[in-house]
Structures are given as structure tokens and as C-alpha cells.
Amino acid sequence: MELAKILESYPKNLSKIHRHLPLTLDNKTCVYGAKGIGKTEIILNHYAKAEFSSSKKMYLNLNDSHLNQCKISESLLDFLQKETIDIFILDHFSPSLFSPTLLDSIPTPQITIISQSPLTNLNYNLVEIPPITFQEFTKIHKTPIDESLNSYLKFGNL
């Protein structure tokens, strides 16, 4: 079963550079922001804290090419009703795959959706992740300052 393998393979946050943003997540939260600004890393880092260490977590990357998205959306609710999951993270979320009623019926106490745009049609708390600052960009990309500035203006500020 695909979902059982996904449950067992919760990602470890291997990034050495963490963005230090204050983050408060409700039981139902949609975290959104531009592509490539570290939304997934921020969420995984948040749930790696000691207060969540005993929680059973599931991370589902809907952008994974190995997944059959139609099968996943059909079997997800049954799977989550059988498993006891405390924290469920849906990354690269697209409203076309999941109806609002399906999301509302997920029995997981804490659901975090990661998306590029705010999902205003859902009853979720919206948290916007701001773009990367130049200081953060230079920590990630170790290049001379003039090259860093050119790269940041080209790629780092959306």
C-alpha cells in the first residue's frame, strides 16, 4: 500500500540553514508563499521540535512523481480513518485534487497544507511565508558579495 510506505518515510529535515520565522500553526493551517522560499523546510523544522517528538506524523508530497494522485485522493480518507495520525502535512497542495468536504472529513487533529497560494475557500488559518531576505540568501549561496547580489536580484526576491 502506497500510503503505508509514505507514513513510514516521514522526511528528516536535512537543511543546515533554517529560516528563523515566528510560526504559529492552528489545528487547520494553510501555509503559503512563492515557490522556492523554504515553506516545506520551515514546516518540517517546526514539527521537529521536542514538543512534537511523540506525535505520529505523516508528510504527503503531492508533487512526487512516484504517486498516483487520483489513487491517493480516493484512498486517503479510508487510510487516515484506520491510522491514528496526530499531524498530517499536505505539500504542493492543489484544490483540484481534494474537495473541501474531503479535507473537512479528515480525522487528523492537526492538518497543515503547504501551497503557493492562499486557499481562501477553506476554513483554514492562513499563514504567509515571506520571501527570502538578502542575508538569508547569502547564507545559502556562498558566493562573493557582488555575485550574491546579482543572483539575489535575479532569483532570490521572486
Protein backbone atom coordinates (compact mmCIF):
# COMPACT_ATOMS: atom_id res chain seq x y z
CA MET A 1 0.00 0.00 0.00
CA GLU A 2 1.42 3.34 -1.11
CA LEU A 3 0.11 5.37 1.83
CA ALA A 4 1.56 2.97 4.40
CA LYS A 5 5.02 3.44 2.85
CA ILE A 6 4.55 7.20 2.89
CA LEU A 7 3.59 7.09 6.57
CA GLU A 8 6.76 5.16 7.40
CA SER A 9 9.01 7.52 5.45
CA TYR A 10 8.46 10.84 7.22
CA PRO A 11 11.21 13.13 5.90
CA LYS A 12 14.07 14.21 8.04
CA ASN A 13 14.87 17.87 7.76
CA LEU A 14 18.41 17.81 6.40
CA SER A 15 18.77 21.51 5.65
CA LYS A 16 21.64 23.09 7.53
CA ILE A 17 20.26 26.59 7.14
CA HIS A 18 16.95 27.34 8.78
CA ARG A 19 14.89 30.45 8.31
CA HIS A 20 14.04 31.87 11.70
CA LEU A 21 10.46 32.99 11.34
CA PRO A 22 7.89 33.08 14.13
CA LEU A 23 5.33 30.42 13.28
CA THR A 24 2.05 29.61 14.96
CA LEU A 25 0.08 26.75 13.47
CA ASP A 26 -3.54 26.09 14.34
CA ASN A 27 -5.24 22.71 14.01
CA LYS A 28 -6.07 23.56 10.39
CA THR A 29 -3.49 25.79 8.74
CA CYS A 30 -2.64 26.68 5.15
CA VAL A 31 0.97 27.86 4.82
CA TYR A 32 1.53 29.64 1.53
CA GLY A 33 4.15 31.65 -0.31
CA ALA A 34 6.14 31.80 -3.50
CA LYS A 35 7.97 28.82 -4.93
CA GLY A 36 11.42 28.10 -3.53
CA ILE A 37 11.30 30.19 -0.34
CA GLY A 38 11.55 27.28 2.11
CA LYS A 39 7.94 26.61 3.12
CA THR A 40 8.46 22.86 3.46
CA GLU A 41 11.71 23.30 5.36
CA ILE A 42 10.04 25.72 7.79
CA ILE A 43 7.16 23.32 8.45
CA LEU A 44 9.39 20.25 8.88
CA ASN A 45 11.67 22.24 11.18
CA HIS A 46 8.66 23.39 13.21
CA TYR A 47 7.36 19.83 13.69
CA ALA A 48 10.86 18.56 14.53
CA LYS A 49 10.70 20.42 17.86
CA ALA A 50 10.67 18.42 21.08
CA GLU A 51 7.01 19.19 21.78
CA PHE A 52 6.04 17.17 18.70
CA SER A 53 8.53 14.31 19.17
CA SER A 54 5.93 11.83 20.42
CA SER A 55 3.38 12.78 17.74
CA LYS A 56 2.73 10.43 14.86
CA LYS A 57 3.32 12.49 11.69
CA MET A 58 2.60 11.93 8.04
CA TYR A 59 4.03 14.04 5.21
CA LEU A 60 2.44 13.70 1.77
CA ASN A 61 4.19 15.46 -1.12
CA LEU A 62 1.59 15.72 -3.87
CA ASN A 63 4.29 16.78 -6.33
CA ASP A 64 6.05 13.40 -6.05
CA SER A 65 6.15 11.82 -9.50
CA HIS A 66 6.00 8.33 -7.98
CA LEU A 67 2.48 8.91 -6.67
CA ASN A 68 -0.72 8.24 -8.49
CA GLN A 69 -2.58 11.34 -7.32
CA CYS A 70 -6.02 10.05 -8.27
CA LYS A 71 -5.50 6.85 -6.27
CA ILE A 72 -4.14 8.81 -3.32
CA SER A 73 -7.10 11.18 -3.16
CA GLU A 74 -9.54 8.23 -3.39
CA SER A 75 -7.90 6.13 -0.66
CA LEU A 76 -6.60 8.85 1.66
CA LEU A 77 -9.69 9.25 3.82
CA ASP A 78 -10.03 5.49 4.42
CA PHE A 79 -6.34 5.24 5.27
CA LEU A 80 -6.43 8.15 7.73
CA GLN A 81 -9.52 6.73 9.43
CA LYS A 82 -7.68 3.44 10.05
CA GLU A 83 -4.40 5.02 11.18
CA THR A 84 -4.03 7.28 14.20
CA ILE A 85 -2.06 10.24 12.92
CA ASP A 86 -1.56 13.35 15.03
CA ILE A 87 -0.05 15.65 12.40
CA PHE A 88 -0.80 15.47 8.68
CA ILE A 89 1.14 17.64 6.22
CA LEU A 90 -0.01 18.01 2.61
CA ASP A 91 2.71 19.63 0.48
CA HIS A 92 2.26 21.13 -3.00
CA PHE A 93 -1.48 21.16 -2.45
CA SER A 94 -3.81 21.77 -5.36
CA PRO A 95 -7.54 22.31 -4.78
CA SER A 96 -8.32 20.35 -7.94
CA LEU A 97 -7.28 17.08 -6.24
CA PHE A 98 -9.15 17.40 -2.95
CA SER A 99 -12.61 18.74 -2.34
CA PRO A 100 -13.18 20.94 0.73
CA THR A 101 -15.56 18.29 2.12
CA LEU A 102 -12.83 15.64 1.88
CA LEU A 103 -10.41 17.88 3.75
CA ASP A 104 -13.03 18.65 6.41
CA SER A 105 -13.66 14.95 6.99
CA ILE A 106 -10.00 14.05 7.64
CA PRO A 107 -9.91 12.80 11.25
CA THR A 108 -6.37 14.02 11.98
CA PRO A 109 -6.25 16.59 14.81
CA GLN A 110 -3.63 18.82 13.13
CA ILE A 111 -3.55 19.38 9.37
CA THR A 112 -1.04 21.65 7.66
CA ILE A 113 -1.40 22.39 3.96
CA ILE A 114 1.55 23.86 2.05
CA SER A 115 0.60 25.75 -1.09
CA GLN A 116 1.84 28.53 -3.34
CA SER A 117 -1.40 30.46 -3.00
CA PRO A 118 -3.76 31.08 -0.09
CA LEU A 119 -6.70 28.69 -0.01
CA THR A 120 -9.44 31.12 0.89
CA ASN A 121 -12.26 28.71 0.09
CA LEU A 122 -11.30 26.50 3.05
CA ASN A 123 -11.89 27.20 6.71
CA TYR A 124 -8.15 27.15 7.47
CA ASN A 125 -5.92 29.65 9.23
CA LEU A 126 -3.73 31.31 6.58
CA VAL A 127 -0.01 31.82 7.25
CA GLU A 128 2.06 33.61 4.62
CA ILE A 129 5.79 32.88 4.41
CA PRO A 130 7.65 35.99 3.23
CA PRO A 131 10.33 35.96 0.52
CA ILE A 132 13.94 35.22 1.42
CA THR A 133 15.95 38.22 2.61
CA PHE A 134 19.37 39.03 1.15
CA GLN A 135 21.00 37.98 4.42
CA GLU A 136 19.31 34.55 4.24
CA PHE A 137 20.23 34.25 0.57
CA THR A 138 23.93 34.83 1.30
CA LYS A 139 23.91 32.12 3.98
CA ILE A 140 22.51 29.62 1.49
CA HIS A 141 24.59 30.64 -1.54
CA LYS A 142 28.24 31.00 -0.58
CA THR A 143 29.48 33.30 -3.35
CA PRO A 144 31.27 36.66 -3.40
CA ILE A 145 29.02 39.54 -2.33
CA ASP A 146 28.70 41.13 -5.81
CA GLU A 147 27.75 37.77 -7.37
CA SER A 148 25.35 37.16 -4.49
CA LEU A 149 23.63 40.49 -5.07
CA ASN A 150 23.25 39.80 -8.80
CA SER A 151 21.89 36.30 -8.12
CA TYR A 152 19.56 37.57 -5.40
CA LEU A 153 18.13 40.26 -7.66
CA LYS A 154 17.68 37.68 -10.41
CA PHE A 155 16.41 34.67 -8.42
CA GLY A 156 16.10 35.35 -4.71
CA ASN A 157 13.45 38.00 -4.49
CA LEU A 158 10.80 36.37 -6.69
